[in-house]
């Protein structure tokens, strides 16, 4: 079984929490599935869950370099130089990142409002980027955009490999027919 979930802001990407915060258990009605990769508490978007250990490994293990696509709202308007630095890879405290696919985009028309809303400042513009990574370090997108002077305000994972949000609203799930969707890319 493969399940796509649109994880809302403020939900932990685990099934239990001793502090009583919202978790995947509050959203996922299927038993025996586990997340194939994680999203931070303050990130939103696609999380894939499966009961197939081999599929989970192919989707989540960095050695398989599954492309992960993020929509990222950043503070300020990045220059061409800042975008090129992201494309080439930046050096973080845990070493250089791989090159990334980076494109400045308009705010997606289909995007749902975040709860709570992103802080709005009249004097500071923002810009949306589409960033594609083939690695998955802790808080990597946020650290990369900060490294080029544009902190992340909102982060939404749009796709993992060939699997996409495709209209899922926050908190909604969809079972993916893996036999029709084909094998996860290797």
Protein backbone atom coordinates (compact mmCIF):
# COMPACT_ATOMS: atom_id res chain seq x y z
CA UNK A 1 0.00 0.00 0.00
CA UNK A 2 1.20 3.50 -0.83
CA UNK A 3 -0.60 6.51 0.63
CA UNK A 4 -0.14 10.16 -0.27
CA UNK A 5 -0.84 12.67 2.52
CA UNK A 6 -0.90 16.45 2.34
CA UNK A 7 0.64 17.17 5.75
CA UNK A 8 -0.61 20.44 7.20
CA UNK A 9 1.57 22.99 8.97
CA UNK A 10 2.02 22.13 12.65
CA UNK A 11 1.69 18.34 12.35
CA UNK A 12 4.59 16.14 13.43
CA UNK A 13 5.75 13.62 10.84
CA UNK A 14 5.48 10.72 13.30
CA UNK A 15 2.61 8.70 14.78
CA UNK A 16 3.06 9.43 18.49
CA UNK A 17 4.05 12.42 20.61
CA UNK A 18 4.28 12.45 24.39
CA UNK A 19 3.65 16.22 24.42
CA UNK A 20 0.22 15.74 22.82
CA UNK A 21 0.95 17.61 19.59
CA UNK A 22 -0.83 16.68 16.34
CA UNK A 23 0.76 13.74 14.53
CA UNK A 24 0.21 11.58 11.47
CA UNK A 25 -2.05 9.38 13.63
CA UNK A 26 -4.56 12.25 13.65
CA UNK A 27 -4.74 12.23 9.84
CA UNK A 28 -3.88 8.79 8.47
CA UNK A 29 -6.71 6.22 8.77
CA UNK A 30 -4.54 3.29 7.62
CA UNK A 31 -2.74 0.91 9.98
CA UNK A 32 0.75 -0.47 9.46
CA UNK A 33 2.04 2.30 7.18
CA UNK A 34 5.19 4.30 7.82
CA UNK A 35 6.47 7.56 6.38
CA UNK A 36 8.95 7.25 3.52
CA UNK A 37 10.80 10.43 4.43
CA UNK A 38 9.81 13.25 6.71
CA UNK A 39 8.72 16.86 6.69
CA UNK A 40 9.42 19.26 9.54
CA UNK A 41 6.66 20.37 11.90
CA UNK A 42 6.62 23.79 10.18
CA UNK A 43 6.61 22.43 6.62
CA UNK A 44 3.61 21.32 4.57
CA UNK A 45 2.82 19.08 1.66
CA UNK A 46 3.39 15.61 0.30
CA UNK A 47 4.33 12.80 2.65
CA UNK A 48 4.31 9.26 1.27
CA UNK A 49 3.46 6.39 3.62
CA UNK A 50 3.77 2.70 2.87
CA UNK A 51 3.63 -0.75 4.42
CA UNK A 52 6.26 -2.00 1.93
CA UNK A 53 9.77 -1.79 3.42
CA UNK A 54 11.53 -2.05 0.04
CA UNK A 55 9.40 0.74 -1.44
CA UNK A 56 9.98 2.88 1.65
CA UNK A 57 13.73 2.38 1.25
CA UNK A 58 13.68 3.30 -2.48
CA UNK A 59 11.67 6.46 -1.78
CA UNK A 60 13.53 7.67 1.31
CA UNK A 61 17.13 6.47 1.14
CA UNK A 62 19.44 9.27 -0.06
CA UNK A 63 21.51 6.86 -2.17
CA UNK A 64 18.52 6.52 -4.54
CA UNK A 65 18.48 10.33 -4.98
CA UNK A 66 14.73 10.63 -5.54
CA UNK A 67 14.03 14.20 -6.69
CA UNK A 68 11.96 16.11 -4.17
CA UNK A 69 10.18 19.24 -5.41
CA UNK A 70 9.40 22.09 -3.02
CA UNK A 71 7.46 25.31 -3.37
CA UNK A 72 9.26 27.85 -1.21
CA UNK A 73 8.14 31.34 -0.24
CA UNK A 74 11.24 33.35 0.68
CA UNK A 75 11.72 36.73 2.25
CA UNK A 76 12.94 39.31 -0.25
CA UNK A 77 13.47 38.94 -3.99
CA UNK A 78 16.50 36.79 -4.79
CA UNK A 79 18.92 38.15 -7.38
CA UNK A 80 20.07 36.05 -10.33
CA UNK A 81 23.34 35.55 -8.43
CA UNK A 82 21.51 34.16 -5.37
CA UNK A 83 19.49 31.79 -7.58
CA UNK A 84 22.68 30.66 -9.36
CA UNK A 85 24.34 29.95 -6.00
CA UNK A 86 21.41 27.70 -5.07
CA UNK A 87 21.62 25.97 -8.47
CA UNK A 88 25.35 25.28 -8.06
CA UNK A 89 24.98 24.18 -4.44
CA UNK A 90 25.86 26.10 -1.31
CA UNK A 91 28.11 25.21 1.59
CA UNK A 92 26.25 24.61 4.84
CA UNK A 93 27.67 23.81 8.28
CA UNK A 94 27.53 20.09 7.38
CA UNK A 95 29.24 20.53 4.00
CA UNK A 96 28.36 21.48 0.44
CA UNK A 97 24.96 20.63 -1.00
CA UNK A 98 24.43 19.00 -4.36
CA UNK A 99 23.33 21.34 -7.16
CA UNK A 100 19.59 22.06 -7.06
CA UNK A 101 16.99 22.85 -9.67
CA UNK A 102 15.79 26.38 -8.86
CA UNK A 103 13.20 28.48 -10.63
CA UNK A 104 11.48 31.73 -9.58
CA UNK A 105 7.70 31.28 -9.97
CA UNK A 106 4.47 33.13 -9.30
CA UNK A 107 2.52 32.14 -6.20
CA UNK A 108 0.56 29.02 -7.16
CA UNK A 109 -3.11 29.82 -7.77
CA UNK A 110 -4.22 26.50 -6.23
CA UNK A 111 -2.40 27.09 -2.95
CA UNK A 112 -4.46 26.84 0.23
CA UNK A 113 -4.14 29.45 2.99
CA UNK A 114 -1.79 28.44 5.78
CA UNK A 115 -3.09 28.23 9.34
CA UNK A 116 -1.64 30.25 10.98
CA UNK A 117 -0.90 32.68 8.15
CA UNK A 118 2.67 33.56 7.20
CA UNK A 119 3.77 36.81 8.82
CA UNK A 120 3.14 39.67 6.39
CA UNK A 121 5.35 42.77 6.29
CA UNK A 122 4.42 45.65 4.00
CA UNK A 123 8.01 46.82 3.67
CA UNK A 124 9.56 43.43 2.84
CA UNK A 125 8.60 41.74 -0.43
CA UNK A 126 8.60 37.97 -0.85
CA UNK A 127 9.09 35.61 -3.76
CA UNK A 128 8.14 32.02 -4.56
CA UNK A 129 10.70 29.50 -5.80
CA UNK A 130 10.41 25.93 -7.02
CA UNK A 131 13.41 23.98 -5.71
CA UNK A 132 14.24 20.39 -6.68
CA UNK A 133 16.69 18.50 -4.46
CA UNK A 134 18.19 15.03 -4.81
CA UNK A 135 19.32 14.80 -1.21
CA UNK A 136 17.47 15.34 2.03
CA UNK A 137 19.40 16.84 4.90
CA UNK A 138 17.73 18.15 8.00
CA UNK A 139 15.98 21.47 7.21
CA UNK A 140 18.06 21.69 4.03
CA UNK A 141 15.84 24.00 1.95
CA UNK A 142 15.52 26.45 4.84
CA UNK A 143 19.27 26.43 5.45
CA UNK A 144 20.05 26.86 1.74
CA UNK A 145 17.75 29.86 1.25
CA UNK A 146 19.08 31.45 4.44
CA UNK A 147 22.66 30.92 3.20
CA UNK A 148 21.92 33.12 0.17
CA UNK A 149 20.20 35.79 2.29
CA UNK A 150 16.55 34.84 1.76
CA UNK A 151 14.99 33.07 4.74
CA UNK A 152 12.16 30.64 4.04
CA UNK A 153 8.72 31.86 5.10
CA UNK A 154 6.71 28.88 3.85
CA UNK A 155 7.76 25.47 2.52
CA UNK A 156 5.50 22.99 0.72
CA UNK A 157 6.69 19.69 -0.74
CA UNK A 158 4.92 19.29 -4.07
CA UNK A 159 6.41 15.99 -5.27
CA UNK A 160 8.63 13.03 -4.44
CA UNK A 161 9.89 11.40 -7.61
CA UNK A 162 6.85 10.86 -9.84
CA UNK A 163 4.37 11.15 -6.97
CA UNK A 164 2.64 14.54 -6.62
CA UNK A 165 0.11 16.32 -4.42
CA UNK A 166 -2.28 16.54 -7.39
CA UNK A 167 -5.11 18.41 -5.69
CA UNK A 168 -4.93 16.88 -2.20
CA UNK A 169 -6.08 19.42 0.38
CA UNK A 170 -4.36 19.82 3.76
CA UNK A 171 -4.94 16.71 5.88
CA UNK A 172 -6.32 14.66 2.98
CA UNK A 173 -4.99 11.25 1.95
CA UNK A 174 -5.16 9.24 -1.26
CA UNK A 175 -4.21 5.60 -1.79
CA UNK A 176 -1.97 5.23 -4.84
CA UNK A 177 -2.37 2.11 -6.96
CA UNK A 178 1.29 1.15 -7.23
CA UNK A 179 0.54 -1.51 -9.84
CA UNK A 180 -0.84 1.19 -12.17
CA UNK A 181 1.60 3.88 -11.10
CA UNK A 182 4.52 1.56 -11.77
CA UNK A 183 7.49 0.99 -9.56
CA UNK A 184 9.03 3.86 -7.68
CA UNK A 185 11.96 5.18 -9.70
CA UNK A 186 15.32 3.76 -8.67
